[in-house]
Amino acid sequence: MIHNTHKGLMGMKRTHASDAWRVAAFLALSGGFQDAYSFLARGHVFANAQTGNIVLFGTKVFALDIAGAIHYLLPVTAFMLGVLAAFFLRRRSVTLHWRQEVLIVEVVLLFVVGFIPSGFDFAANAIVSFTCAMQVQAFRKIHGNGYSSTMCIGNLRSFAEWGGRALSGGGRRAWLRAERYLGIIALFALGATLGSLAVPKLGIRAIWCSCVLLVVSFALMFEKRELEQESKTE
């Protein structure tokens, strides 16, 4: 009996609650909301996904439009700085879990964004990109599987892959992973829908709704859990 109990415990891995589905769900809602907000309220820029900004930066450079190039370069630069900020915060965290500290910084900065006038959208988008990058760097796994809470391309790829494995006889594990990725994609889309409804009513202050979602994720991370360690064999 003792041997079986020990064996069961050996099959468990203690993880921080930031790896939990509920935390990822609210992060994905917030990520979709932020993208809709930056596009609808801040000059049609996708502050979370930088691919489009890099493409537009290149076209502006080719057209010798320096002001336009800088407009799209700022969020890209802010994104890189956000990754660095999260990296160093992890190394220096002493009080809360470093991922919770990342969320505190995000909430404070996004709250400030709600006060930035429309004439300074470039600054607002840079801050949103910065906080997005911190979130991307800090929250990269759900139940041990890689994912993103602020953009969908990686989640779409993973959903298609695990859906294919499930249809090819991959069993319950493959179906479960496919469902998780589909859930994150759906929640991101729901967050974008909520953003599109909030911006016309709240204007630039709609971003505060994203702050509320991040506060919920922060609170959920106080939960201590033991999650079954999933095999890393692919």
Protein backbone atom coordinates (compact mmCIF):
# COMPACT_ATOMS: atom_id res chain seq x y z
CA MET A 1 0.00 0.00 0.00
CA ILE A 2 2.82 2.35 0.91
CA HIS A 3 4.59 1.42 -2.30
CA ASN A 4 1.52 2.30 -4.39
CA THR A 5 1.08 5.61 -2.61
CA HIS A 6 4.71 6.47 -3.17
CA LYS A 7 4.38 5.52 -6.82
CA GLY A 8 1.34 7.76 -7.14
CA LEU A 9 3.18 10.69 -5.61
CA MET A 10 6.11 10.10 -7.92
CA GLY A 11 3.70 10.57 -10.82
CA MET A 12 2.73 14.02 -9.59
CA LYS A 13 4.54 17.28 -10.10
CA ARG A 14 4.02 20.33 -7.94
CA THR A 15 3.46 23.33 -10.18
CA HIS A 16 2.56 26.92 -9.55
CA ALA A 17 -1.08 27.80 -10.19
CA SER A 18 0.00 30.00 -13.11
CA ASP A 19 0.06 26.74 -15.09
CA ALA A 20 -3.65 26.17 -14.46
CA TRP A 21 -6.42 26.34 -17.02
CA ARG A 22 -8.46 28.95 -15.15
CA VAL A 23 -5.54 31.37 -15.04
CA ALA A 24 -4.87 30.85 -18.75
CA ALA A 25 -8.55 31.42 -19.52
CA PHE A 26 -8.63 34.92 -18.04
CA LEU A 27 -5.25 35.76 -19.57
CA ALA A 28 -6.58 34.78 -23.01
CA LEU A 29 -9.70 36.89 -22.50
CA SER A 30 -7.50 39.83 -21.58
CA GLY A 31 -5.20 39.21 -24.56
CA GLY A 32 -8.06 39.28 -27.05
CA PHE A 33 -9.52 42.35 -25.38
CA GLN A 34 -6.20 44.22 -25.63
CA ASP A 35 -5.84 43.47 -29.33
CA ALA A 36 -9.36 44.73 -30.07
CA TYR A 37 -8.72 47.80 -27.91
CA SER A 38 -5.47 48.80 -29.60
CA PHE A 39 -7.02 48.32 -33.05
CA LEU A 40 -10.34 50.06 -32.43
CA ALA A 41 -9.35 52.76 -29.95
CA ARG A 42 -5.67 53.39 -30.67
CA GLY A 43 -5.13 53.94 -34.37
CA HIS A 44 -5.67 50.47 -35.87
CA VAL A 45 -2.50 48.93 -34.46
CA PHE A 46 -2.35 45.35 -33.21
CA ALA A 47 -0.24 45.94 -30.12
CA ASN A 48 -0.09 42.26 -29.16
CA ALA A 49 0.94 40.68 -32.46
CA GLN A 50 4.06 42.30 -33.89
CA THR A 51 4.19 40.59 -37.29
CA GLY A 52 1.84 43.11 -38.86
CA ASN A 53 3.75 46.01 -37.32
CA ILE A 54 7.04 44.71 -38.75
CA VAL A 55 5.48 44.34 -42.21
CA LEU A 56 4.06 47.86 -42.08
CA PHE A 57 7.38 49.19 -40.79
CA GLY A 58 9.09 47.70 -43.83
CA THR A 59 6.59 49.23 -46.24
CA LYS A 60 6.96 52.65 -44.62
CA VAL A 61 10.75 52.44 -44.85
CA PHE A 62 10.49 51.54 -48.55
CA ALA A 63 8.19 54.54 -49.08
CA LEU A 64 10.68 56.76 -47.20
CA ASP A 65 7.93 57.62 -44.71
CA ILE A 66 10.09 58.04 -41.62
CA ALA A 67 7.28 59.17 -39.33
CA GLY A 68 5.16 56.19 -40.39
CA ALA A 69 8.08 53.82 -39.90
CA ILE A 70 8.64 55.10 -36.36
CA HIS A 71 4.92 54.73 -35.65
CA TYR A 72 5.19 50.98 -36.23
CA LEU A 73 8.70 50.56 -34.86
CA LEU A 74 7.75 51.84 -31.41
CA PRO A 75 5.45 48.92 -30.43
CA VAL A 76 7.98 46.41 -31.78
CA THR A 77 10.74 47.96 -29.67
CA ALA A 78 8.44 48.13 -26.63
CA PHE A 79 7.64 44.44 -27.08
CA MET A 80 11.32 43.49 -26.93
CA LEU A 81 11.83 45.66 -23.86
CA GLY A 82 8.86 43.96 -22.19
CA VAL A 83 10.47 40.55 -22.68
CA LEU A 84 13.67 41.84 -21.08
CA ALA A 85 11.71 43.36 -18.18
CA ALA A 86 9.99 40.05 -17.42
CA PHE A 87 13.30 38.21 -17.69
CA PHE A 88 14.99 40.42 -15.11
CA LEU A 89 11.92 40.52 -12.88
CA ARG A 90 12.07 36.74 -12.64
CA ARG A 91 15.68 36.92 -11.48
CA ARG A 92 14.99 39.56 -8.83
CA SER A 93 11.57 38.50 -7.52
CA VAL A 94 11.63 38.16 -3.72
CA THR A 95 8.08 38.59 -2.37
CA LEU A 96 5.35 37.15 -4.57
CA HIS A 97 5.79 34.62 -7.33
CA TRP A 98 7.46 36.47 -10.20
CA ARG A 99 4.54 35.82 -12.53
CA GLN A 100 2.21 37.54 -10.09
CA GLU A 101 4.58 40.50 -10.03
CA VAL A 102 4.40 40.59 -13.82
CA LEU A 103 0.61 40.86 -13.58
CA ILE A 104 0.88 43.70 -11.05
CA VAL A 105 3.09 45.64 -13.46
CA GLU A 106 0.67 44.89 -16.30
CA VAL A 107 -2.36 46.11 -14.38
CA VAL A 108 -0.67 49.33 -13.29
CA LEU A 109 0.61 50.16 -16.79
CA LEU A 110 -2.68 49.34 -18.52
CA PHE A 111 -4.53 51.44 -15.97
CA VAL A 112 -2.28 54.35 -16.93
CA VAL A 113 -3.05 53.71 -20.62
CA GLY A 114 -6.69 54.56 -19.87
CA PHE A 115 -5.64 58.13 -19.10
CA ILE A 116 -3.48 58.71 -22.19
CA PRO A 117 -5.30 61.03 -24.65
CA SER A 118 -6.07 59.84 -28.16
CA GLY A 119 -3.49 62.22 -29.57
CA PHE A 120 -0.80 60.08 -27.97
CA ASP A 121 -1.88 56.70 -29.30
CA PHE A 122 1.74 55.85 -30.14
CA ALA A 123 2.60 55.94 -26.43
CA ALA A 124 -0.49 53.93 -25.46
CA ASN A 125 0.29 51.24 -28.04
CA ALA A 126 3.90 51.06 -26.91
CA ILE A 127 2.81 50.45 -23.31
CA VAL A 128 0.28 47.80 -24.36
CA SER A 129 2.97 46.07 -26.42
CA PHE A 130 5.34 46.22 -23.44
CA THR A 131 2.82 44.60 -21.09
CA CYS A 132 1.88 42.03 -23.72
CA ALA A 133 5.50 40.98 -24.05
CA MET A 134 5.83 40.59 -20.29
CA GLN A 135 2.79 38.31 -20.33
CA VAL A 136 4.11 36.29 -23.27
CA GLN A 137 7.43 35.79 -21.49
CA ALA A 138 5.89 34.88 -18.14
CA PHE A 139 2.96 32.66 -19.13
CA ARG A 140 4.04 30.10 -21.69
CA LYS A 141 2.55 26.82 -20.49
CA ILE A 142 -0.78 25.38 -19.51
CA HIS A 143 -0.57 22.00 -17.80
CA GLY A 144 2.96 21.67 -19.12
CA ASN A 145 2.05 22.44 -22.74
CA GLY A 146 3.26 25.56 -24.55
CA TYR A 147 0.65 28.18 -25.47
CA SER A 148 0.21 31.92 -25.88
CA SER A 149 -2.43 34.06 -24.19
CA THR A 150 -1.91 37.14 -26.36
CA MET A 151 -1.87 35.81 -29.94
CA CYS A 152 -3.34 32.83 -31.76
CA ILE A 153 -1.00 31.54 -34.46
CA GLY A 154 0.89 29.14 -32.19
CA ASN A 155 -2.33 27.96 -30.57
CA LEU A 156 -3.90 27.35 -33.97
CA ARG A 157 -0.92 25.29 -35.06
CA SER A 158 -1.00 23.24 -31.85
CA PHE A 159 -4.76 22.72 -32.09
CA ALA A 160 -4.46 21.45 -35.65
CA GLU A 161 -1.55 19.17 -34.75
CA TRP A 162 -3.21 17.63 -31.70
CA GLY A 163 -6.53 17.42 -33.53
CA GLY A 164 -4.76 15.43 -36.23
CA ARG A 165 -3.17 13.16 -33.65
CA ALA A 166 -6.53 12.63 -32.00
CA LEU A 167 -8.17 11.69 -35.30
CA SER A 168 -5.26 9.33 -35.98
CA GLY A 169 -5.89 7.32 -32.85
CA GLY A 170 -3.95 9.43 -30.38
CA GLY A 171 -6.43 8.67 -27.65
CA ARG A 172 -7.81 10.73 -24.78
CA ARG A 173 -4.56 12.62 -24.20
CA ALA A 174 -4.52 13.99 -27.74
CA TRP A 175 -8.20 14.96 -27.60
CA LEU A 176 -7.66 16.73 -24.29
CA ARG A 177 -4.77 18.80 -25.60
CA ALA A 178 -6.68 19.71 -28.76
CA GLU A 179 -9.64 20.81 -26.63
CA ARG A 180 -7.41 22.98 -24.45
CA TYR A 181 -5.96 24.82 -27.43
CA LEU A 182 -9.39 25.26 -28.98
CA GLY A 183 -10.64 26.64 -25.66
CA ILE A 184 -7.83 29.20 -25.49
CA ILE A 185 -8.52 30.29 -29.10
CA ALA A 186 -12.24 30.64 -28.37
CA LEU A 187 -11.58 32.66 -25.21
CA PHE A 188 -9.20 34.96 -27.09
CA ALA A 189 -11.93 35.55 -29.68
CA LEU A 190 -14.45 36.17 -26.90
CA GLY A 191 -12.09 38.71 -25.35
CA ALA A 192 -11.83 40.49 -28.71
CA THR A 193 -15.63 40.52 -28.95
CA LEU A 194 -15.90 42.04 -25.48
CA GLY A 195 -13.34 44.65 -26.50
CA SER A 196 -15.31 45.57 -29.59
CA LEU A 197 -18.40 46.06 -27.42
CA ALA A 198 -16.61 48.02 -24.69
CA VAL A 199 -14.64 50.50 -26.82
CA PRO A 200 -17.70 52.30 -28.31
CA LYS A 201 -19.15 52.70 -24.81
CA LEU A 202 -16.02 53.44 -22.74
CA GLY A 203 -13.59 54.83 -25.30
CA ILE A 204 -9.92 54.84 -24.30
CA ARG A 205 -10.83 53.79 -20.76
CA ALA A 206 -12.13 50.44 -22.01
CA ILE A 207 -8.66 49.03 -21.32
CA TRP A 208 -9.55 49.02 -17.63
CA CYS A 209 -11.76 45.99 -18.34
CA SER A 210 -8.56 44.15 -19.27
CA CYS A 211 -7.12 45.18 -15.90
CA VAL A 212 -10.05 43.50 -14.17
CA LEU A 213 -9.43 40.25 -16.06
CA LEU A 214 -5.75 40.32 -15.10
CA VAL A 215 -6.64 40.92 -11.44
CA VAL A 216 -8.77 37.76 -11.54
CA SER A 217 -5.81 35.80 -12.94
CA PHE A 218 -3.61 37.28 -10.22
CA ALA A 219 -6.03 36.15 -7.50
CA LEU A 220 -6.36 32.63 -8.93
CA MET A 221 -2.60 32.20 -8.76
CA PHE A 222 -2.68 32.03 -4.97
CA GLU A 223 -4.17 28.55 -5.33
CA LYS A 224 -1.65 25.78 -4.73
CA ARG A 225 -2.14 22.68 -6.82
CA GLU A 226 -0.54 19.43 -7.73
CA LEU A 227 -0.96 18.59 -11.36
CA GLU A 228 -0.39 15.24 -12.86
CA GLN A 229 2.83 15.29 -14.79
CA GLU A 230 2.12 14.69 -18.44
CA SER A 231 4.55 12.72 -20.51
CA LYS A 232 6.88 14.86 -22.60
CA THR A 233 7.15 12.13 -25.17
CA GLU A 234 5.63 13.31 -28.43
